[in-house]
Amino acid sequence: MPKCVYCGKIYEVPMGLTRVMNDGRIQYLCSSKCRKNMLMKRRKVRWISKSRENKVDMSSEEKSAKEEKK
């Protein structure tokens, strides 16, 4: 499963965009929102930090759920 180069979100394969650069690099983007903001060279956007915070929260919840199962 690819990871968005702009916001860091992991998404399913049929969704998202794939950019192939002239030098052969491949960039995966989860949405047109990420693509447009990347092309405008925006870096500090509120929704990026929120999605990263949610991702960290979910990973800590998964760890605690695994520990409970043991």
C-alpha atoms as a PDB file:
ATOM      1  CA  MET A   1       0.000   0.000   0.000  1.00  0.00           C
ATOM      2  CA  PRO A   2       1.492   3.333  -1.053  1.00  0.00           C
ATOM      3  CA  LYS A   3       2.150   6.250   1.274  1.00  0.00           C
ATOM      4  CA  CYS A   4       1.318   9.831   0.238  1.00  0.00           C
ATOM      5  CA  VAL A   5       4.478  11.935  -0.175  1.00  0.00           C
ATOM      6  CA  TYR A   6       2.619  15.087   0.919  1.00  0.00           C
ATOM      7  CA  CYS A   7       0.560  14.183   3.980  1.00  0.00           C
ATOM      8  CA  GLY A   8       2.002  10.757   4.837  1.00  0.00           C
ATOM      9  CA  LYS A   9      -1.331   8.946   4.713  1.00  0.00           C
ATOM     10  CA  ILE A  10      -1.359   5.264   3.765  1.00  0.00           C
ATOM     11  CA  TYR A  11      -4.164   4.534   1.309  1.00  0.00           C
ATOM     12  CA  GLU A  12      -5.603   1.699  -0.762  1.00  0.00           C
ATOM     13  CA  VAL A  13      -4.251   0.971  -4.249  1.00  0.00           C
ATOM     14  CA  PRO A  14      -7.210   1.838  -6.533  1.00  0.00           C
ATOM     15  CA  MET A  15      -7.431   5.313  -5.000  1.00  0.00           C
ATOM     16  CA  GLY A  16      -4.964   8.190  -5.266  1.00  0.00           C
ATOM     17  CA  LEU A  17      -2.593   9.454  -7.912  1.00  0.00           C
ATOM     18  CA  THR A  18       0.824   8.306  -9.088  1.00  0.00           C
ATOM     19  CA  ARG A  19       3.266  10.834 -10.571  1.00  0.00           C
ATOM     20  CA  VAL A  20       6.323   9.651 -12.465  1.00  0.00           C
ATOM     21  CA  MET A  21       8.997  12.333 -12.655  1.00  0.00           C
ATOM     22  CA  ASN A  22      11.372  12.794 -15.609  1.00  0.00           C
ATOM     23  CA  ASP A  23      14.271  11.358 -13.612  1.00  0.00           C
ATOM     24  CA  GLY A  24      12.324   8.164 -12.846  1.00  0.00           C
ATOM     25  CA  ARG A  25      11.192   8.959  -9.299  1.00  0.00           C
ATOM     26  CA  ILE A  26       7.669   7.862  -8.407  1.00  0.00           C
ATOM     27  CA  GLN A  27       5.505  10.032  -6.172  1.00  0.00           C
ATOM     28  CA  TYR A  28       2.296   8.708  -4.662  1.00  0.00           C
ATOM     29  CA  LEU A  29      -0.458  11.165  -3.694  1.00  0.00           C
ATOM     30  CA  CYS A  30      -3.617  10.151  -1.851  1.00  0.00           C
ATOM     31  CA  SER A  31      -5.875  12.858  -3.362  1.00  0.00           C
ATOM     32  CA  SER A  32      -6.061  15.794  -5.716  1.00  0.00           C
ATOM     33  CA  LYS A  33      -6.066  18.009  -2.619  1.00  0.00           C
ATOM     34  CA  CYS A  34      -2.550  16.834  -1.801  1.00  0.00           C
ATOM     35  CA  ARG A  35      -1.462  17.161  -5.438  1.00  0.00           C
ATOM     36  CA  LYS A  36      -2.691  20.736  -5.750  1.00  0.00           C
ATOM     37  CA  ASN A  37      -1.162  21.832  -2.454  1.00  0.00           C
ATOM     38  CA  MET A  38       2.146  20.210  -3.358  1.00  0.00           C
ATOM     39  CA  LEU A  39       2.204  21.983  -6.726  1.00  0.00           C
ATOM     40  CA  MET A  40       1.546  25.305  -4.947  1.00  0.00           C
ATOM     41  CA  LYS A  41       4.493  24.434  -2.667  1.00  0.00           C
ATOM     42  CA  ARG A  42       2.456  24.667   0.515  1.00  0.00           C
ATOM     43  CA  ARG A  43       4.065  22.959   3.452  1.00  0.00           C
ATOM     44  CA  LYS A  44       2.338  24.035   6.677  1.00  0.00           C
ATOM     45  CA  VAL A  45      -1.314  23.159   6.331  1.00  0.00           C
ATOM     46  CA  ARG A  46      -3.545  22.418   9.325  1.00  0.00           C
ATOM     47  CA  TRP A  47      -5.107  19.231   7.982  1.00  0.00           C
ATOM     48  CA  ILE A  48      -1.696  17.595   7.489  1.00  0.00           C
ATOM     49  CA  SER A  49      -0.757  17.913  11.138  1.00  0.00           C
ATOM     50  CA  LYS A  50      -4.200  16.673  12.203  1.00  0.00           C
ATOM     51  CA  SER A  51      -3.928  13.567  10.026  1.00  0.00           C
ATOM     52  CA  ARG A  52      -0.454  12.840  11.420  1.00  0.00           C
ATOM     53  CA  GLU A  53      -1.741  13.237  14.989  1.00  0.00           C
ATOM     54  CA  ASN A  54      -4.642  10.858  14.268  1.00  0.00           C
ATOM     55  CA  LYS A  55      -2.210   8.354  12.766  1.00  0.00           C
ATOM     56  CA  VAL A  56      -0.061   8.433  15.912  1.00  0.00           C
ATOM     57  CA  ASP A  57      -3.164   8.059  18.115  1.00  0.00           C
ATOM     58  CA  MET A  58      -4.358   5.061  16.121  1.00  0.00           C
ATOM     59  CA  SER A  59      -0.962   3.334  16.280  1.00  0.00           C
ATOM     60  CA  SER A  60      -0.867   3.694  20.078  1.00  0.00           C
ATOM     61  CA  GLU A  61      -4.414   2.289  20.307  1.00  0.00           C
ATOM     62  CA  GLU A  62      -3.409  -0.692  18.163  1.00  0.00           C
ATOM     63  CA  LYS A  63      -0.435  -1.407  20.421  1.00  0.00           C
ATOM     64  CA  SER A  64      -2.616  -1.352  23.518  1.00  0.00           C
ATOM     65  CA  ALA A  65      -5.173  -3.622  21.834  1.00  0.00           C
ATOM     66  CA  LYS A  66      -2.434  -6.123  20.981  1.00  0.00           C
ATOM     67  CA  GLU A  67      -1.156  -6.087  24.541  1.00  0.00           C
ATOM     68  CA  GLU A  68      -4.664  -6.768  25.869  1.00  0.00           C
ATOM     69  CA  LYS A  69      -5.043  -9.809  23.604  1.00  0.00           C
ATOM     70  CA  LYS A  70      -1.867 -11.369  25.022  1.00  0.00           C
END
